[in-house]
């Protein structure tokens, strides 16, 4: 779609270097960047995971890695911007947790969370150095401090399987590992699975939305136009 053919309300934004109708092989915004348009729609900047993503389907955050919980961290003082962490039996690729979070979940320094700036490849069960975006708020002690690594929720996005929280809906097809905008608020076409009811909640069901159910935790939005199952309905997204 050419710039001249795009709706003007989707172009009049100062922050968007990359259009909501474009994907990019290179990163142009920080992950999680919020883009609010004058028509009330809201988007988050994301990176697809190892598989391509489909237009107008619900997508979720990446899954946590069990071996990256309760990891021993080194003794550090307040203000340090590097910390050594010893992983469990799952290796980490270079910058896998860049723009993600390390939080100290137990022991000395527990309760603090810091953003990860960068790190090298870290082999399984080996120590590796994390460089942090900001200094530690509390000291840590190798004798009892345990840390947990969490991916940036907008990095490695995958089709919703109800195994993590919702991230949003891409307005285009997205190539694996490419960067894109996912819509989180406002009117948006979404794949339907089931018989939607006008004005009721649409709940997350795989990549689609389904009729409301009392025991479902994740609501995607409100039904604005109830199209048939297998079609695409217009949903007023309320993911955030």
C-alpha atoms as a PDB file:
ATOM      1  CA  UNK A   1       0.000   0.000   0.000  1.00  0.00           C
ATOM      2  CA  UNK A   2       1.458   3.356  -1.036  1.00  0.00           C
ATOM      3  CA  UNK A   3       1.720   6.252   1.403  1.00  0.00           C
ATOM      4  CA  UNK A   4      -0.823   8.226  -0.666  1.00  0.00           C
ATOM      5  CA  UNK A   5      -3.427   5.459  -0.344  1.00  0.00           C
ATOM      6  CA  UNK A   6      -3.130   4.993   3.425  1.00  0.00           C
ATOM      7  CA  UNK A   7      -5.804   6.561   5.654  1.00  0.00           C
ATOM      8  CA  UNK A   8      -4.630   9.991   6.719  1.00  0.00           C
ATOM      9  CA  UNK A   9      -5.398   9.279  10.384  1.00  0.00           C
ATOM     10  CA  UNK A  10      -2.862   6.449  10.242  1.00  0.00           C
ATOM     11  CA  UNK A  11      -0.159   8.700   8.834  1.00  0.00           C
ATOM     12  CA  UNK A  12      -0.420  11.720  11.083  1.00  0.00           C
ATOM     13  CA  UNK A  13       1.919  10.617  13.816  1.00  0.00           C
ATOM     14  CA  UNK A  14       5.267  12.129  14.694  1.00  0.00           C
ATOM     15  CA  UNK A  15       6.721   9.046  16.364  1.00  0.00           C
ATOM     16  CA  UNK A  16       6.135   6.390  13.705  1.00  0.00           C
ATOM     17  CA  UNK A  17       9.213   5.895  11.517  1.00  0.00           C
ATOM     18  CA  UNK A  18       7.653   2.591  10.461  1.00  0.00           C
ATOM     19  CA  UNK A  19       4.004   2.527   9.369  1.00  0.00           C
ATOM     20  CA  UNK A  20       1.506   0.193  11.019  1.00  0.00           C
ATOM     21  CA  UNK A  21       1.062  -1.335   7.560  1.00  0.00           C
ATOM     22  CA  UNK A  22       4.761  -2.168   7.153  1.00  0.00           C
ATOM     23  CA  UNK A  23       7.154  -4.793   8.471  1.00  0.00           C
ATOM     24  CA  UNK A  24      10.897  -4.268   8.794  1.00  0.00           C
ATOM     25  CA  UNK A  25      13.876  -6.581   8.865  1.00  0.00           C
ATOM     26  CA  UNK A  26      15.695  -4.017  11.019  1.00  0.00           C
ATOM     27  CA  UNK A  27      14.460  -2.545  14.295  1.00  0.00           C
ATOM     28  CA  UNK A  28      13.244   1.065  14.021  1.00  0.00           C
ATOM     29  CA  UNK A  29      11.640   1.622  17.450  1.00  0.00           C
ATOM     30  CA  UNK A  30      12.195   0.267  20.945  1.00  0.00           C
ATOM     31  CA  UNK A  31      10.236  -2.899  21.645  1.00  0.00           C
ATOM     32  CA  UNK A  32       6.968  -2.084  23.356  1.00  0.00           C
ATOM     33  CA  UNK A  33       6.893   1.492  22.029  1.00  0.00           C
ATOM     34  CA  UNK A  34       3.318   2.800  22.210  1.00  0.00           C
ATOM     35  CA  UNK A  35       1.819   4.419  19.109  1.00  0.00           C
ATOM     36  CA  UNK A  36      -1.473   6.230  19.659  1.00  0.00           C
ATOM     37  CA  UNK A  37      -3.347   7.471  16.607  1.00  0.00           C
ATOM     38  CA  UNK A  38      -5.836  10.321  16.536  1.00  0.00           C
ATOM     39  CA  UNK A  39      -8.656   7.911  15.655  1.00  0.00           C
ATOM     40  CA  UNK A  40      -8.283   6.155  19.041  1.00  0.00           C
ATOM     41  CA  UNK A  41      -6.335   3.135  17.846  1.00  0.00           C
ATOM     42  CA  UNK A  42      -3.267   2.078  19.821  1.00  0.00           C
ATOM     43  CA  UNK A  43      -0.339  -0.131  18.787  1.00  0.00           C
ATOM     44  CA  UNK A  44       2.783  -1.695  20.340  1.00  0.00           C
ATOM     45  CA  UNK A  45       6.051  -2.244  18.496  1.00  0.00           C
ATOM     46  CA  UNK A  46       6.932  -5.946  18.362  1.00  0.00           C
ATOM     47  CA  UNK A  47       9.233  -8.528  16.835  1.00  0.00           C
ATOM     48  CA  UNK A  48       7.883 -11.793  15.470  1.00  0.00           C
ATOM     49  CA  UNK A  49       9.302 -15.072  16.729  1.00  0.00           C
ATOM     50  CA  UNK A  50      10.700 -17.872  14.596  1.00  0.00           C
ATOM     51  CA  UNK A  51       7.459 -18.301  12.635  1.00  0.00           C
ATOM     52  CA  UNK A  52       5.606 -15.852  10.426  1.00  0.00           C
ATOM     53  CA  UNK A  53       2.443 -14.197  11.768  1.00  0.00           C
ATOM     54  CA  UNK A  54      -0.935 -13.837  10.064  1.00  0.00           C
ATOM     55  CA  UNK A  55      -2.887 -10.644   9.578  1.00  0.00           C
ATOM     56  CA  UNK A  56      -5.853 -10.073  11.925  1.00  0.00           C
ATOM     57  CA  UNK A  57      -5.089 -12.913  14.350  1.00  0.00           C
ATOM     58  CA  UNK A  58      -4.475 -12.668  18.088  1.00  0.00           C
ATOM     59  CA  UNK A  59      -0.868 -13.054  19.202  1.00  0.00           C
ATOM     60  CA  UNK A  60       0.786 -13.595  22.560  1.00  0.00           C
ATOM     61  CA  UNK A  61       4.035 -12.952  24.385  1.00  0.00           C
ATOM     62  CA  UNK A  62       6.845 -15.540  24.239  1.00  0.00           C
ATOM     63  CA  UNK A  63       6.945 -18.369  26.750  1.00  0.00           C
ATOM     64  CA  UNK A  64       9.268 -18.222  29.762  1.00  0.00           C
ATOM     65  CA  UNK A  65      12.230 -20.616  29.924  1.00  0.00           C
ATOM     66  CA  UNK A  66      12.107 -22.770  33.056  1.00  0.00           C
ATOM     67  CA  UNK A  67      15.918 -23.054  33.280  1.00  0.00           C
ATOM     68  CA  UNK A  68      16.192 -19.277  33.502  1.00  0.00           C
ATOM     69  CA  UNK A  69      14.301 -19.086  36.830  1.00  0.00           C
ATOM     70  CA  UNK A  70      16.002 -19.050  40.240  1.00  0.00           C
ATOM     71  CA  UNK A  71      19.491 -18.549  38.794  1.00  0.00           C
ATOM     72  CA  UNK A  72      22.486 -17.738  40.996  1.00  0.00           C
ATOM     73  CA  UNK A  73      23.728 -14.174  40.515  1.00  0.00           C
ATOM     74  CA  UNK A  74      27.031 -12.636  41.529  1.00  0.00           C
ATOM     75  CA  UNK A  75      27.763 -10.352  44.485  1.00  0.00           C
ATOM     76  CA  UNK A  76      27.266  -6.748  43.351  1.00  0.00           C
ATOM     77  CA  UNK A  77      26.814  -3.343  44.974  1.00  0.00           C
ATOM     78  CA  UNK A  78      24.199  -0.666  44.433  1.00  0.00           C
ATOM     79  CA  UNK A  79      24.706   1.099  41.104  1.00  0.00           C
ATOM     80  CA  UNK A  80      26.568  -1.723  39.333  1.00  0.00           C
ATOM     81  CA  UNK A  81      25.574  -2.025  35.673  1.00  0.00           C
ATOM     82  CA  UNK A  82      26.870  -5.552  35.163  1.00  0.00           C
ATOM     83  CA  UNK A  83      25.971  -8.777  36.925  1.00  0.00           C
ATOM     84  CA  UNK A  84      26.949 -12.405  36.361  1.00  0.00           C
ATOM     85  CA  UNK A  85      24.203 -15.016  36.187  1.00  0.00           C
ATOM     86  CA  UNK A  86      24.530 -18.814  36.118  1.00  0.00           C
ATOM     87  CA  UNK A  87      21.853 -20.471  34.010  1.00  0.00           C
ATOM     88  CA  UNK A  88      20.225 -23.847  34.239  1.00  0.00           C
ATOM     89  CA  UNK A  89      20.435 -26.457  31.504  1.00  0.00           C
ATOM     90  CA  UNK A  90      19.271 -24.231  28.628  1.00  0.00           C
ATOM     91  CA  UNK A  91      21.712 -22.000  26.785  1.00  0.00           C
ATOM     92  CA  UNK A  92      21.049 -18.366  25.836  1.00  0.00           C
ATOM     93  CA  UNK A  93      21.739 -16.883  22.410  1.00  0.00           C
ATOM     94  CA  UNK A  94      23.401 -13.500  22.072  1.00  0.00           C
ATOM     95  CA  UNK A  95      21.077 -10.733  23.299  1.00  0.00           C
ATOM     96  CA  UNK A  96      18.149 -13.124  23.692  1.00  0.00           C
ATOM     97  CA  UNK A  97      17.099 -11.120  26.764  1.00  0.00           C
ATOM     98  CA  UNK A  98      18.084  -7.677  25.452  1.00  0.00           C
ATOM     99  CA  UNK A  99      15.285  -5.221  26.317  1.00  0.00           C
ATOM    100  CA  UNK A 100      13.997  -7.833  28.756  1.00  0.00           C
ATOM    101  CA  UNK A 101      14.104  -7.892  32.553  1.00  0.00           C
ATOM    102  CA  UNK A 102      16.195  -9.473  35.282  1.00  0.00           C
ATOM    103  CA  UNK A 103      14.474  -9.478  38.633  1.00  0.00           C
ATOM    104  CA  UNK A 104      15.918 -10.741  41.904  1.00  0.00           C
ATOM    105  CA  UNK A 105      13.247 -13.117  43.094  1.00  0.00           C
ATOM    106  CA  UNK A 106      14.838 -14.352  46.332  1.00  0.00           C
ATOM    107  CA  UNK A 107      17.613 -13.614  48.820  1.00  0.00           C
ATOM    108  CA  UNK A 108      19.688 -10.466  49.192  1.00  0.00           C
ATOM    109  CA  UNK A 109      18.393  -7.700  46.936  1.00  0.00           C
ATOM    110  CA  UNK A 110      15.081  -9.444  46.278  1.00  0.00           C
ATOM    111  CA  UNK A 111      12.204  -7.398  44.892  1.00  0.00           C
ATOM    112  CA  UNK A 112      14.211  -5.289  42.447  1.00  0.00           C
ATOM    113  CA  UNK A 113      13.952  -5.456  38.670  1.00  0.00           C
ATOM    114  CA  UNK A 114      16.398  -4.055  36.119  1.00  0.00           C
ATOM    115  CA  UNK A 115      16.341  -3.916  32.323  1.00  0.00           C
ATOM    116  CA  UNK A 116      18.885  -5.954  30.373  1.00  0.00           C
ATOM    117  CA  UNK A 117      20.847  -3.998  27.761  1.00  0.00           C
ATOM    118  CA  UNK A 118      22.970  -6.759  26.250  1.00  0.00           C
ATOM    119  CA  UNK A 119      24.754 -10.047  26.883  1.00  0.00           C
ATOM    120  CA  UNK A 120      26.891 -12.586  24.986  1.00  0.00           C
ATOM    121  CA  UNK A 121      26.024 -16.205  24.229  1.00  0.00           C
ATOM    122  CA  UNK A 122      25.754 -18.032  27.552  1.00  0.00           C
ATOM    123  CA  UNK A 123      26.232 -21.790  27.535  1.00  0.00           C
ATOM    124  CA  UNK A 124      24.001 -24.062  29.570  1.00  0.00           C
ATOM    125  CA  UNK A 125      24.877 -24.243  33.261  1.00  0.00           C
ATOM    126  CA  UNK A 126      27.626 -21.635  32.724  1.00  0.00           C
ATOM    127  CA  UNK A 127      27.942 -18.112  34.124  1.00  0.00           C
ATOM    128  CA  UNK A 128      27.560 -15.132  31.804  1.00  0.00           C
ATOM    129  CA  UNK A 129      27.697 -11.366  32.215  1.00  0.00           C
ATOM    130  CA  UNK A 130      24.583  -9.246  31.718  1.00  0.00           C
ATOM    131  CA  UNK A 131      25.029  -5.554  30.960  1.00  0.00           C
ATOM    132  CA  UNK A 132      22.137  -3.567  32.440  1.00  0.00           C
ATOM    133  CA  UNK A 133      20.336  -0.445  31.231  1.00  0.00           C
ATOM    134  CA  UNK A 134      20.464   1.032  34.732  1.00  0.00           C
ATOM    135  CA  UNK A 135      22.384   0.372  37.931  1.00  0.00           C
ATOM    136  CA  UNK A 136      21.217  -2.098  40.564  1.00  0.00           C
ATOM    137  CA  UNK A 137      18.890  -0.623  43.160  1.00  0.00           C
ATOM    138  CA  UNK A 138      19.991  -3.032  45.889  1.00  0.00           C
ATOM    139  CA  UNK A 139      23.134  -5.054  46.528  1.00  0.00           C
ATOM    140  CA  UNK A 140      23.186  -8.780  45.738  1.00  0.00           C
ATOM    141  CA  UNK A 141      25.097 -11.676  47.311  1.00  0.00           C
ATOM    142  CA  UNK A 142      26.196 -14.806  45.491  1.00  0.00           C
ATOM    143  CA  UNK A 143      25.528 -16.778  48.692  1.00  0.00           C
ATOM    144  CA  UNK A 144      21.747 -16.413  48.507  1.00  0.00           C
ATOM    145  CA  UNK A 145      20.594 -14.072  45.698  1.00  0.00           C
ATOM    146  CA  UNK A 146      18.543 -15.709  42.951  1.00  0.00           C
ATOM    147  CA  UNK A 147      17.516 -14.022  39.706  1.00  0.00           C
ATOM    148  CA  UNK A 148      14.988 -14.722  36.972  1.00  0.00           C
ATOM    149  CA  UNK A 149      15.248 -13.645  33.338  1.00  0.00           C
ATOM    150  CA  UNK A 150      12.135 -12.628  31.429  1.00  0.00           C
ATOM    151  CA  UNK A 151      11.997 -11.845  27.717  1.00  0.00           C
ATOM    152  CA  UNK A 152      10.701  -8.521  26.574  1.00  0.00           C
ATOM    153  CA  UNK A 153       7.047  -9.394  26.092  1.00  0.00           C
ATOM    154  CA  UNK A 154       7.080  -7.848  22.608  1.00  0.00           C
ATOM    155  CA  UNK A 155      10.102  -9.846  21.388  1.00  0.00           C
ATOM    156  CA  UNK A 156       9.501 -13.271  19.859  1.00  0.00           C
ATOM    157  CA  UNK A 157       5.726 -12.785  19.536  1.00  0.00           C
ATOM    158  CA  UNK A 158       3.770 -15.889  18.471  1.00  0.00           C
ATOM    159  CA  UNK A 159       0.199 -16.818  17.600  1.00  0.00           C
ATOM    160  CA  UNK A 160      -1.967 -17.014  20.693  1.00  0.00           C
ATOM    161  CA  UNK A 161      -2.140 -20.479  22.263  1.00  0.00           C
ATOM    162  CA  UNK A 162      -3.425 -19.348  25.678  1.00  0.00           C
ATOM    163  CA  UNK A 163      -0.013 -20.086  27.192  1.00  0.00           C
ATOM    164  CA  UNK A 164       0.943 -16.457  27.802  1.00  0.00           C
ATOM    165  CA  UNK A 165      -0.746 -13.059  27.868  1.00  0.00           C
ATOM    166  CA  UNK A 166      -2.092 -11.319  24.774  1.00  0.00           C
ATOM    167  CA  UNK A 167       0.118  -8.821  22.954  1.00  0.00           C
ATOM    168  CA  UNK A 168      -2.040  -7.637  20.068  1.00  0.00           C
ATOM    169  CA  UNK A 169      -3.179  -8.066  16.477  1.00  0.00           C
ATOM    170  CA  UNK A 170      -0.963  -7.331  13.431  1.00  0.00           C
ATOM    171  CA  UNK A 171      -2.689  -5.486  10.591  1.00  0.00           C
ATOM    172  CA  UNK A 172      -0.427  -7.206   8.030  1.00  0.00           C
ATOM    173  CA  UNK A 173       1.182 -10.592   7.473  1.00  0.00           C
ATOM    174  CA  UNK A 174       4.569 -10.595   9.210  1.00  0.00           C
ATOM    175  CA  UNK A 175       7.720 -12.464   8.196  1.00  0.00           C
ATOM    176  CA  UNK A 176       9.460 -14.531  10.890  1.00  0.00           C
ATOM    177  CA  UNK A 177      11.775 -12.394  13.066  1.00  0.00           C
ATOM    178  CA  UNK A 178      10.633  -9.128  11.429  1.00  0.00           C
ATOM    179  CA  UNK A 179       9.508  -6.039  13.348  1.00  0.00           C
ATOM    180  CA  UNK A 180       5.914  -4.793  13.197  1.00  0.00           C
ATOM    181  CA  UNK A 181       3.155  -2.934  15.008  1.00  0.00           C
ATOM    182  CA  UNK A 182       0.463  -4.940  16.856  1.00  0.00           C
ATOM    183  CA  UNK A 183      -2.849  -3.221  17.534  1.00  0.00           C
ATOM    184  CA  UNK A 184      -3.987  -3.310  21.176  1.00  0.00           C
ATOM    185  CA  UNK A 185      -6.898  -0.826  21.324  1.00  0.00           C
ATOM    186  CA  UNK A 186      -9.657   0.336  19.045  1.00  0.00           C
ATOM    187  CA  UNK A 187     -11.617  -1.123  16.096  1.00  0.00           C
ATOM    188  CA  UNK A 188      -9.747  -3.991  14.466  1.00  0.00           C
ATOM    189  CA  UNK A 189     -10.677  -6.963  12.249  1.00  0.00           C
ATOM    190  CA  UNK A 190      -9.985 -10.285  13.993  1.00  0.00           C
ATOM    191  CA  UNK A 191     -10.460 -13.914  12.933  1.00  0.00           C
ATOM    192  CA  UNK A 192     -13.621 -15.488  14.412  1.00  0.00           C
ATOM    193  CA  UNK A 193     -14.065 -18.951  15.927  1.00  0.00           C
ATOM    194  CA  UNK A 194     -17.669 -19.479  17.093  1.00  0.00           C
ATOM    195  CA  UNK A 195     -20.824 -17.382  17.114  1.00  0.00           C
ATOM    196  CA  UNK A 196     -20.113 -13.893  18.386  1.00  0.00           C
ATOM    197  CA  UNK A 197     -22.822 -11.775  20.012  1.00  0.00           C
ATOM    198  CA  UNK A 198     -23.074  -8.103  19.184  1.00  0.00           C
ATOM    199  CA  UNK A 199     -21.995  -5.887  22.104  1.00  0.00           C
ATOM    200  CA  UNK A 200     -20.613  -8.741  24.223  1.00  0.00           C
ATOM    201  CA  UNK A 201     -17.016  -9.580  25.067  1.00  0.00           C
ATOM    202  CA  UNK A 202     -14.880 -11.434  22.558  1.00  0.00           C
ATOM    203  CA  UNK A 203     -12.507 -13.788  24.326  1.00  0.00           C
ATOM    204  CA  UNK A 204      -9.153 -15.130  23.148  1.00  0.00           C
ATOM    205  CA  UNK A 205      -9.281 -18.542  21.464  1.00  0.00           C
ATOM    206  CA  UNK A 206      -6.011 -19.500  19.726  1.00  0.00           C
ATOM    207  CA  UNK A 207      -5.478 -16.878  17.027  1.00  0.00           C
ATOM    208  CA  UNK A 208      -9.167 -16.073  16.940  1.00  0.00           C
ATOM    209  CA  UNK A 209     -11.866 -14.576  19.144  1.00  0.00           C
ATOM    210  CA  UNK A 210     -14.819 -16.539  20.507  1.00  0.00           C
ATOM    211  CA  UNK A 211     -18.068 -15.785  22.376  1.00  0.00           C
ATOM    212  CA  UNK A 212     -17.757 -14.747  25.998  1.00  0.00           C
ATOM    213  CA  UNK A 213     -17.448 -17.439  28.692  1.00  0.00           C
ATOM    214  CA  UNK A 214     -17.501 -16.939  32.449  1.00  0.00           C
ATOM    215  CA  UNK A 215     -14.324 -18.920  33.113  1.00  0.00           C
ATOM    216  CA  UNK A 216     -12.095 -17.253  30.512  1.00  0.00           C
ATOM    217  CA  UNK A 217      -9.480 -14.836  31.808  1.00  0.00           C
ATOM    218  CA  UNK A 218      -8.316 -13.045  28.664  1.00  0.00           C
ATOM    219  CA  UNK A 219     -10.809 -10.751  26.985  1.00  0.00           C
ATOM    220  CA  UNK A 220      -9.676  -9.402  23.619  1.00  0.00           C
ATOM    221  CA  UNK A 221     -12.364  -6.730  23.274  1.00  0.00           C
ATOM    222  CA  UNK A 222     -16.007  -5.952  22.536  1.00  0.00           C
ATOM    223  CA  UNK A 223     -17.880  -7.156  19.453  1.00  0.00           C
ATOM    224  CA  UNK A 224     -18.681  -4.222  17.150  1.00  0.00           C
ATOM    225  CA  UNK A 225     -19.731  -6.338  14.160  1.00  0.00           C
ATOM    226  CA  UNK A 226     -20.509 -10.041  14.661  1.00  0.00           C
ATOM    227  CA  UNK A 227     -19.406 -11.821  11.502  1.00  0.00           C
ATOM    228  CA  UNK A 228     -19.626 -15.592  11.040  1.00  0.00           C
ATOM    229  CA  UNK A 229     -17.216 -18.188  12.369  1.00  0.00           C
ATOM    230  CA  UNK A 230     -14.223 -18.466  10.059  1.00  0.00           C
ATOM    231  CA  UNK A 231     -14.708 -14.885   8.885  1.00  0.00           C
ATOM    232  CA  UNK A 232     -13.228 -11.711  10.331  1.00  0.00           C
ATOM    233  CA  UNK A 233     -15.300  -9.622  12.743  1.00  0.00           C
ATOM    234  CA  UNK A 234     -14.734  -6.038  13.816  1.00  0.00           C
ATOM    235  CA  UNK A 235     -13.630  -6.013  17.452  1.00  0.00           C
ATOM    236  CA  UNK A 236     -13.078  -2.968  19.651  1.00  0.00           C
ATOM    237  CA  UNK A 237      -9.821  -4.247  21.151  1.00  0.00           C
ATOM    238  CA  UNK A 238      -9.245  -3.726  24.875  1.00  0.00           C
ATOM    239  CA  UNK A 239      -6.026  -5.730  25.267  1.00  0.00           C
ATOM    240  CA  UNK A 240      -4.611  -2.836  27.297  1.00  0.00           C
END
